[in-house]
Amino acid sequence: QRLRGEGVETSVSQVAVHFDDASAWDAKAITL
């Protein structure tokens, strides 16, 4: 949902595939 708010269209299955990186972005450890 937060990615979609940033204009990123992906799926929950793709968030799962890239879970570590997506979580790092959500924690502001890496940039969008």
PDB file of all heavy atoms in Angstrom:
ATOM      1  N   GLN A   1       0.827  -1.210   0.000  1.00  0.00           N
ATOM      2  CA  GLN A   1       0.000   0.000   0.000  1.00  0.00           C
ATOM      3  C   GLN A   1       0.863   1.262   0.000  1.00  0.00           C
ATOM      4  O   GLN A   1       0.565   2.227  -0.712  1.00  0.00           O
ATOM      5  CB  GLN A   1      -0.964   0.000   1.188  1.00  0.00           C
ATOM      6  CG  GLN A   1      -2.008  -1.093   1.123  1.00  0.00           C
ATOM      7  CD  GLN A   1      -2.750  -1.125  -0.203  1.00  0.00           C
ATOM      8  OE1 GLN A   1      -3.233  -0.111  -0.686  1.00  0.00           O
ATOM      9  NE2 GLN A   1      -2.837  -2.301  -0.803  1.00  0.00           N
ATOM     10  N   ARG A   2       1.932   1.254   0.782  1.00  0.00           N
ATOM     11  CA  ARG A   2       2.819   2.428   0.820  1.00  0.00           C
ATOM     12  C   ARG A   2       3.549   2.597  -0.514  1.00  0.00           C
ATOM     13  O   ARG A   2       3.750   3.721  -0.988  1.00  0.00           O
ATOM     14  CB  ARG A   2       3.780   2.333   2.002  1.00  0.00           C
ATOM     15  CG  ARG A   2       3.062   2.569   3.346  1.00  0.00           C
ATOM     16  CD  ARG A   2       3.987   2.564   4.526  1.00  0.00           C
ATOM     17  NE  ARG A   2       4.440   1.245   4.924  1.00  0.00           N
ATOM     18  CZ  ARG A   2       3.692   0.338   5.572  1.00  0.00           C
ATOM     19  NH1 ARG A   2       2.436   0.598   5.879  1.00  0.00           N
ATOM     20  NH2 ARG A   2       4.199  -0.831   5.921  1.00  0.00           N
ATOM     21  N   LEU A   3       3.933   1.492  -1.142  1.00  0.00           N
ATOM     22  CA  LEU A   3       4.566   1.568  -2.457  1.00  0.00           C
ATOM     23  C   LEU A   3       3.600   2.158  -3.479  1.00  0.00           C
ATOM     24  O   LEU A   3       3.981   3.001  -4.289  1.00  0.00           O
ATOM     25  CB  LEU A   3       5.040   0.187  -2.914  1.00  0.00           C
ATOM     26  CG  LEU A   3       6.306  -0.335  -2.261  1.00  0.00           C
ATOM     27  CD1 LEU A   3       6.489  -1.819  -2.569  1.00  0.00           C
ATOM     28  CD2 LEU A   3       7.519   0.455  -2.719  1.00  0.00           C
ATOM     29  N   ARG A   4       2.358   1.719  -3.432  1.00  0.00           N
ATOM     30  CA  ARG A   4       1.362   2.251  -4.367  1.00  0.00           C
ATOM     31  C   ARG A   4       1.163   3.737  -4.145  1.00  0.00           C
ATOM     32  O   ARG A   4       0.952   4.492  -5.094  1.00  0.00           O
ATOM     33  CB  ARG A   4       0.054   1.484  -4.234  1.00  0.00           C
ATOM     34  CG  ARG A   4       0.167   0.100  -4.840  1.00  0.00           C
ATOM     35  CD  ARG A   4      -1.125  -0.652  -4.811  1.00  0.00           C
ATOM     36  NE  ARG A   4      -0.973  -1.925  -5.496  1.00  0.00           N
ATOM     37  CZ  ARG A   4      -1.815  -2.932  -5.374  1.00  0.00           C
ATOM     38  NH1 ARG A   4      -2.876  -2.823  -4.602  1.00  0.00           N
ATOM     39  NH2 ARG A   4      -1.596  -4.045  -6.025  1.00  0.00           N
ATOM     40  N   GLY A   5       1.253   4.168  -2.891  1.00  0.00           N
ATOM     41  CA  GLY A   5       1.166   5.590  -2.583  1.00  0.00           C
ATOM     42  C   GLY A   5       2.322   6.378  -3.178  1.00  0.00           C
ATOM     43  O   GLY A   5       2.219   7.585  -3.408  1.00  0.00           O
ATOM     44  N   GLU A   6       3.417   5.704  -3.446  1.00  0.00           N
ATOM     45  CA  GLU A   6       4.586   6.332  -4.069  1.00  0.00           C
ATOM     46  C   GLU A   6       4.581   6.185  -5.590  1.00  0.00           C
ATOM     47  O   GLU A   6       5.536   6.551  -6.258  1.00  0.00           O
ATOM     48  CB  GLU A   6       5.877   5.701  -3.515  1.00  0.00           C
ATOM     49  CG  GLU A   6       6.124   6.002  -2.055  1.00  0.00           C
ATOM     50  CD  GLU A   6       6.461   7.461  -1.805  1.00  0.00           C
ATOM     51  OE1 GLU A   6       7.023   8.122  -2.705  1.00  0.00           O
ATOM     52  OE2 GLU A   6       6.157   7.949  -0.710  1.00  0.00           O
ATOM     53  N   GLY A   7       3.502   5.603  -6.126  1.00  0.00           N
ATOM     54  CA  GLY A   7       3.404   5.444  -7.577  1.00  0.00           C
ATOM     55  C   GLY A   7       4.038   4.180  -8.107  1.00  0.00           C
ATOM     56  O   GLY A   7       4.238   4.042  -9.311  1.00  0.00           O
ATOM     57  N   VAL A   8       4.350   3.233  -7.231  1.00  0.00           N
ATOM     58  CA  VAL A   8       4.967   1.971  -7.651  1.00  0.00           C
ATOM     59  C   VAL A   8       3.865   0.926  -7.757  1.00  0.00           C
ATOM     60  O   VAL A   8       3.194   0.624  -6.776  1.00  0.00           O
ATOM     61  CB  VAL A   8       6.042   1.500  -6.650  1.00  0.00           C
ATOM     62  CG1 VAL A   8       6.634   0.162  -7.088  1.00  0.00           C
ATOM     63  CG2 VAL A   8       7.127   2.550  -6.505  1.00  0.00           C
ATOM     64  N   GLU A   9       3.672   0.409  -8.955  1.00  0.00           N
ATOM     65  CA  GLU A   9       2.674  -0.646  -9.150  1.00  0.00           C
ATOM     66  C   GLU A   9       3.379  -1.994  -9.154  1.00  0.00           C
ATOM     67  O   GLU A   9       4.149  -2.305 -10.051  1.00  0.00           O
ATOM     68  CB  GLU A   9       1.907  -0.436 -10.459  1.00  0.00           C
ATOM     69  CG  GLU A   9       0.873   0.652 -10.374  1.00  0.00           C
ATOM     70  CD  GLU A   9      -0.193   0.406  -9.305  1.00  0.00           C
ATOM     71  OE1 GLU A   9      -0.657  -0.734  -9.157  1.00  0.00           O
ATOM     72  OE2 GLU A   9      -0.544   1.373  -8.614  1.00  0.00           O
ATOM     73  N   THR A  10       3.115  -2.764  -8.144  1.00  0.00           N
ATOM     74  CA  THR A  10       3.658  -4.104  -8.037  1.00  0.00           C
ATOM     75  C   THR A  10       2.602  -4.954  -7.361  1.00  0.00           C
ATOM     76  O   THR A  10       1.470  -4.523  -7.187  1.00  0.00           O
ATOM     77  CB  THR A  10       5.013  -4.105  -7.289  1.00  0.00           C
ATOM     78  OG1 THR A  10       5.607  -5.409  -7.408  1.00  0.00           O
ATOM     79  CG2 THR A  10       4.877  -3.698  -5.843  1.00  0.00           C
ATOM     80  N   SER A  11       2.947  -6.147  -6.968  1.00  0.00           N
ATOM     81  CA  SER A  11       1.985  -7.046  -6.333  1.00  0.00           C
ATOM     82  C   SER A  11       2.540  -7.517  -4.998  1.00  0.00           C
ATOM     83  O   SER A  11       3.735  -7.419  -4.729  1.00  0.00           O
ATOM     84  CB  SER A  11       1.730  -8.260  -7.230  1.00  0.00           C
ATOM     85  OG  SER A  11       2.929  -9.020  -7.352  1.00  0.00           O
ATOM     86  N   VAL A  12       1.661  -8.035  -4.177  1.00  0.00           N
ATOM     87  CA  VAL A  12       2.105  -8.534  -2.878  1.00  0.00           C
ATOM     88  C   VAL A  12       3.049  -9.726  -3.055  1.00  0.00           C
ATOM     89  O   VAL A  12       3.967  -9.912  -2.260  1.00  0.00           O
ATOM     90  CB  VAL A  12       0.905  -8.857  -1.956  1.00  0.00           C
ATOM     91  CG1 VAL A  12       0.183 -10.129  -2.383  1.00  0.00           C
ATOM     92  CG2 VAL A  12       1.346  -8.962  -0.500  1.00  0.00           C
ATOM     93  N   SER A  13       2.855 -10.494  -4.107  1.00  0.00           N
ATOM     94  CA  SER A  13       3.765 -11.618  -4.338  1.00  0.00           C
ATOM     95  C   SER A  13       5.167 -11.115  -4.682  1.00  0.00           C
ATOM     96  O   SER A  13       6.170 -11.710  -4.272  1.00  0.00           O
ATOM     97  CB  SER A  13       3.241 -12.558  -5.419  1.00  0.00           C
ATOM     98  OG  SER A  13       3.140 -11.899  -6.657  1.00  0.00           O
ATOM     99  N   GLN A  14       5.254  -9.995  -5.410  1.00  0.00           N
ATOM    100  CA  GLN A  14       6.561  -9.419  -5.715  1.00  0.00           C
ATOM    101  C   GLN A  14       7.191  -8.776  -4.485  1.00  0.00           C
ATOM    102  O   GLN A  14       8.407  -8.806  -4.315  1.00  0.00           O
ATOM    103  CB  GLN A  14       6.450  -8.409  -6.859  1.00  0.00           C
ATOM    104  CG  GLN A  14       6.366  -9.055  -8.212  1.00  0.00           C
ATOM    105  CD  GLN A  14       7.603  -9.881  -8.494  1.00  0.00           C
ATOM    106  OE1 GLN A  14       8.717  -9.377  -8.538  1.00  0.00           O
ATOM    107  NE2 GLN A  14       7.405 -11.178  -8.683  1.00  0.00           N
ATOM    108  N   VAL A  15       6.363  -8.200  -3.613  1.00  0.00           N
ATOM    109  CA  VAL A  15       6.888  -7.676  -2.348  1.00  0.00           C
ATOM    110  C   VAL A  15       7.487  -8.833  -1.547  1.00  0.00           C
ATOM    111  O   VAL A  15       8.549  -8.698  -0.945  1.00  0.00           O
ATOM    112  CB  VAL A  15       5.800  -6.932  -1.547  1.00  0.00           C
ATOM    113  CG1 VAL A  15       6.297  -6.580  -0.145  1.00  0.00           C
ATOM    114  CG2 VAL A  15       5.362  -5.676  -2.281  1.00  0.00           C
ATOM    115  N   ALA A  16       6.826  -9.992  -1.575  1.00  0.00           N
ATOM    116  CA  ALA A  16       7.348 -11.165  -0.869  1.00  0.00           C
ATOM    117  C   ALA A  16       8.678 -11.618  -1.463  1.00  0.00           C
ATOM    118  O   ALA A  16       9.623 -11.921  -0.721  1.00  0.00           O
ATOM    119  CB  ALA A  16       6.331 -12.302  -0.904  1.00  0.00           C
ATOM    120  N   VAL A  17       8.772 -11.640  -2.791  1.00  0.00           N
ATOM    121  CA  VAL A  17      10.016 -12.046  -3.454  1.00  0.00           C
ATOM    122  C   VAL A  17      11.169 -11.145  -3.032  1.00  0.00           C
ATOM    123  O   VAL A  17      12.289 -11.598  -2.806  1.00  0.00           O
ATOM    124  CB  VAL A  17       9.845 -12.046  -4.993  1.00  0.00           C
ATOM    125  CG1 VAL A  17      11.185 -12.170  -5.694  1.00  0.00           C
ATOM    126  CG2 VAL A  17       8.898 -13.153  -5.423  1.00  0.00           C
ATOM    127  N   HIS A  18      10.888  -9.869  -2.893  1.00  0.00           N
ATOM    128  CA  HIS A  18      11.902  -8.867  -2.533  1.00  0.00           C
ATOM    129  C   HIS A  18      11.679  -8.359  -1.105  1.00  0.00           C
ATOM    130  O   HIS A  18      11.919  -7.189  -0.810  1.00  0.00           O
ATOM    131  CB  HIS A  18      11.858  -7.707  -3.520  1.00  0.00           C
ATOM    132  CG  HIS A  18      12.105  -8.117  -4.935  1.00  0.00           C
ATOM    133  ND1 HIS A  18      13.363  -8.407  -5.418  1.00  0.00           N
ATOM    134  CD2 HIS A  18      11.243  -8.319  -5.970  1.00  0.00           C
ATOM    135  CE1 HIS A  18      13.277  -8.756  -6.688  1.00  0.00           C
ATOM    136  NE2 HIS A  18      12.000  -8.711  -7.049  1.00  0.00           N
ATOM    137  N   PHE A  19      11.238  -9.260  -0.229  1.00  0.00           N
ATOM    138  CA  PHE A  19      10.808  -8.865   1.103  1.00  0.00           C
ATOM    139  C   PHE A  19      11.891  -8.130   1.890  1.00  0.00           C
ATOM    140  O   PHE A  19      11.614  -7.113   2.531  1.00  0.00           O
ATOM    141  CB  PHE A  19      10.318 -10.087   1.894  1.00  0.00           C
ATOM    142  CG  PHE A  19       9.680  -9.736   3.192  1.00  0.00           C
ATOM    143  CD1 PHE A  19       8.400  -9.202   3.231  1.00  0.00           C
ATOM    144  CD2 PHE A  19      10.346  -9.920   4.389  1.00  0.00           C
ATOM    145  CE1 PHE A  19       7.796  -8.858   4.423  1.00  0.00           C
ATOM    146  CE2 PHE A  19       9.759  -9.576   5.597  1.00  0.00           C
ATOM    147  CZ  PHE A  19       8.475  -9.051   5.616  1.00  0.00           C
ATOM    148  N   ASP A  20      13.114  -8.621   1.857  1.00  0.00           N
ATOM    149  CA  ASP A  20      14.185  -7.976   2.631  1.00  0.00           C
ATOM    150  C   ASP A  20      14.427  -6.544   2.159  1.00  0.00           C
ATOM    151  O   ASP A  20      14.531  -5.624   2.976  1.00  0.00           O
ATOM    152  CB  ASP A  20      15.477  -8.791   2.569  1.00  0.00           C
ATOM    153  CG  ASP A  20      15.365 -10.106   3.317  1.00  0.00           C
ATOM    154  OD1 ASP A  20      14.473 -10.246   4.189  1.00  0.00           O
ATOM    155  OD2 ASP A  20      16.176 -11.020   3.028  1.00  0.00           O
ATOM    156  N   ASP A  21      14.506  -6.352   0.842  1.00  0.00           N
ATOM    157  CA  ASP A  21      14.728  -5.006   0.316  1.00  0.00           C
ATOM    158  C   ASP A  21      13.506  -4.115   0.564  1.00  0.00           C
ATOM    159  O   ASP A  21      13.650  -2.938   0.920  1.00  0.00           O
ATOM    160  CB  ASP A  21      15.044  -5.051  -1.178  1.00  0.00           C
ATOM    161  CG  ASP A  21      16.457  -5.544  -1.454  1.00  0.00           C
ATOM    162  OD1 ASP A  21      17.355  -5.298  -0.623  1.00  0.00           O
ATOM    163  OD2 ASP A  21      16.657  -6.165  -2.516  1.00  0.00           O
ATOM    164  N   ALA A  22      12.309  -4.669   0.377  1.00  0.00           N
ATOM    165  CA  ALA A  22      11.096  -3.877   0.605  1.00  0.00           C
ATOM    166  C   ALA A  22      10.991  -3.466   2.067  1.00  0.00           C
ATOM    167  O   ALA A  22      10.630  -2.329   2.382  1.00  0.00           O
ATOM    168  CB  ALA A  22       9.867  -4.670   0.172  1.00  0.00           C
ATOM    169  N   SER A  23      11.340  -4.364   2.964  1.00  0.00           N
ATOM    170  CA  SER A  23      11.319  -4.047   4.399  1.00  0.00           C
ATOM    171  C   SER A  23      12.369  -2.996   4.739  1.00  0.00           C
ATOM    172  O   SER A  23      12.124  -2.107   5.559  1.00  0.00           O
ATOM    173  CB  SER A  23      11.559  -5.302   5.232  1.00  0.00           C
ATOM    174  OG  SER A  23      10.488  -6.194   5.084  1.00  0.00           O
ATOM    175  N   ALA A  24      13.530  -3.099   4.096  1.00  0.00           N
ATOM    176  CA  ALA A  24      14.585  -2.106   4.322  1.00  0.00           C
ATOM    177  C   ALA A  24      14.122  -0.727   3.861  1.00  0.00           C
ATOM    178  O   ALA A  24      14.361   0.278   4.534  1.00  0.00           O
ATOM    179  CB  ALA A  24      15.861  -2.522   3.598  1.00  0.00           C
ATOM    180  N   TRP A  25      13.430  -0.665   2.714  1.00  0.00           N
ATOM    181  CA  TRP A  25      12.891   0.612   2.246  1.00  0.00           C
ATOM    182  C   TRP A  25      11.847   1.134   3.230  1.00  0.00           C
ATOM    183  O   TRP A  25      11.870   2.315   3.588  1.00  0.00           O
ATOM    184  CB  TRP A  25      12.272   0.464   0.853  1.00  0.00           C
ATOM    185  CG  TRP A  25      11.460   1.660   0.481  1.00  0.00           C
ATOM    186  CD1 TRP A  25      11.925   2.874   0.067  1.00  0.00           C
ATOM    187  CD2 TRP A  25      10.036   1.796   0.555  1.00  0.00           C
ATOM    188  NE1 TRP A  25      10.878   3.749  -0.136  1.00  0.00           N
ATOM    189  CE2 TRP A  25       9.701   3.106   0.155  1.00  0.00           C
ATOM    190  CE3 TRP A  25       9.007   0.927   0.913  1.00  0.00           C
ATOM    191  CZ2 TRP A  25       8.400   3.564   0.097  1.00  0.00           C
ATOM    192  CZ3 TRP A  25       7.701   1.376   0.851  1.00  0.00           C
ATOM    193  CH2 TRP A  25       7.406   2.685   0.454  1.00  0.00           C
ATOM    194  N   ASP A  26      10.969   0.254   3.682  1.00  0.00           N
ATOM    195  CA  ASP A  26       9.908   0.666   4.596  1.00  0.00           C
ATOM    196  C   ASP A  26      10.488   1.197   5.904  1.00  0.00           C
ATOM    197  O   ASP A  26       9.927   2.103   6.510  1.00  0.00           O
ATOM    198  CB  ASP A  26       8.976  -0.517   4.857  1.00  0.00           C
ATOM    199  CG  ASP A  26       7.634  -0.093   5.400  1.00  0.00           C
ATOM    200  OD1 ASP A  26       7.085   0.921   4.926  1.00  0.00           O
ATOM    201  OD2 ASP A  26       7.134  -0.779   6.305  1.00  0.00           O
ATOM    202  N   ALA A  27      11.630   0.657   6.316  1.00  0.00           N
ATOM    203  CA  ALA A  27      12.299   1.106   7.545  1.00  0.00           C
ATOM    204  C   ALA A  27      13.214   2.305   7.283  1.00  0.00           C
ATOM    205  O   ALA A  27      13.924   2.753   8.181  1.00  0.00           O
ATOM    206  CB  ALA A  27      13.100  -0.051   8.139  1.00  0.00           C
ATOM    207  N   LYS A  28      13.201   2.782   6.039  1.00  0.00           N
ATOM    208  CA  LYS A  28      14.013   3.928   5.623  1.00  0.00           C
ATOM    209  C   LYS A  28      15.517   3.657   5.681  1.00  0.00           C
ATOM    210  O   LYS A  28      16.325   4.558   5.799  1.00  0.00           O
ATOM    211  CB  LYS A  28      13.649   5.179   6.413  1.00  0.00           C
ATOM    212  CG  LYS A  28      12.194   5.573   6.234  1.00  0.00           C
ATOM    213  CD  LYS A  28      11.874   6.886   6.855  1.00  0.00           C
ATOM    214  CE  LYS A  28      10.439   7.315   6.765  1.00  0.00           C
ATOM    215  NZ  LYS A  28       9.477   6.589   6.037  1.00  0.00           N
ATOM    216  N   ALA A  29      15.872   2.368   5.574  1.00  0.00           N
ATOM    217  CA  ALA A  29      17.285   1.985   5.543  1.00  0.00           C
ATOM    218  C   ALA A  29      17.865   2.134   4.134  1.00  0.00           C
ATOM    219  O   ALA A  29      19.078   2.263   3.972  1.00  0.00           O
ATOM    220  CB  ALA A  29      17.460   0.553   6.036  1.00  0.00           C
ATOM    221  N   ILE A  30      16.996   2.073   3.117  1.00  0.00           N
ATOM    222  CA  ILE A  30      17.409   2.327   1.733  1.00  0.00           C
ATOM    223  C   ILE A  30      16.393   3.273   1.106  1.00  0.00           C
ATOM    224  O   ILE A  30      15.257   3.390   1.574  1.00  0.00           O
ATOM    225  CB  ILE A  30      17.531   1.029   0.886  1.00  0.00           C
ATOM    226  CG1 ILE A  30      16.174   0.312   0.761  1.00  0.00           C
ATOM    227  CG2 ILE A  30      18.600   0.096   1.447  1.00  0.00           C
ATOM    228  CD1 ILE A  30      16.175  -0.860  -0.207  1.00  0.00           C
ATOM    229  N   THR A  31      16.804   3.941   0.049  1.00  0.00           N
ATOM    230  CA  THR A  31      15.914   4.883  -0.634  1.00  0.00           C
ATOM    231  C   THR A  31      14.989   4.140  -1.591  1.00  0.00           C
ATOM    232  O   THR A  31      15.238   2.984  -1.958  1.00  0.00           O
ATOM    233  CB  THR A  31      16.716   5.918  -1.436  1.00  0.00           C
ATOM    234  OG1 THR A  31      17.412   5.222  -2.486  1.00  0.00           O
ATOM    235  CG2 THR A  31      17.685   6.678  -0.554  1.00  0.00           C
ATOM    236  N   LEU A  32      13.950   4.839  -2.018  1.00  0.00           N
ATOM    237  CA  LEU A  32      13.054   4.261  -3.014  1.00  0.00           C
ATOM    238  C   LEU A  32      13.817   3.990  -4.308  1.00  0.00           C
ATOM    239  O   LEU A  32      13.608   2.948  -4.944  1.00  0.00           O
ATOM    240  CB  LEU A  32      11.867   5.191  -3.270  1.00  0.00           C
ATOM    241  CG  LEU A  32      10.824   4.695  -4.268  1.00  0.00           C
ATOM    242  CD1 LEU A  32      10.230   3.357  -3.837  1.00  0.00           C
ATOM    243  CD2 LEU A  32       9.727   5.729  -4.445  1.00  0.00           C
TER     244      LEU A  32
END
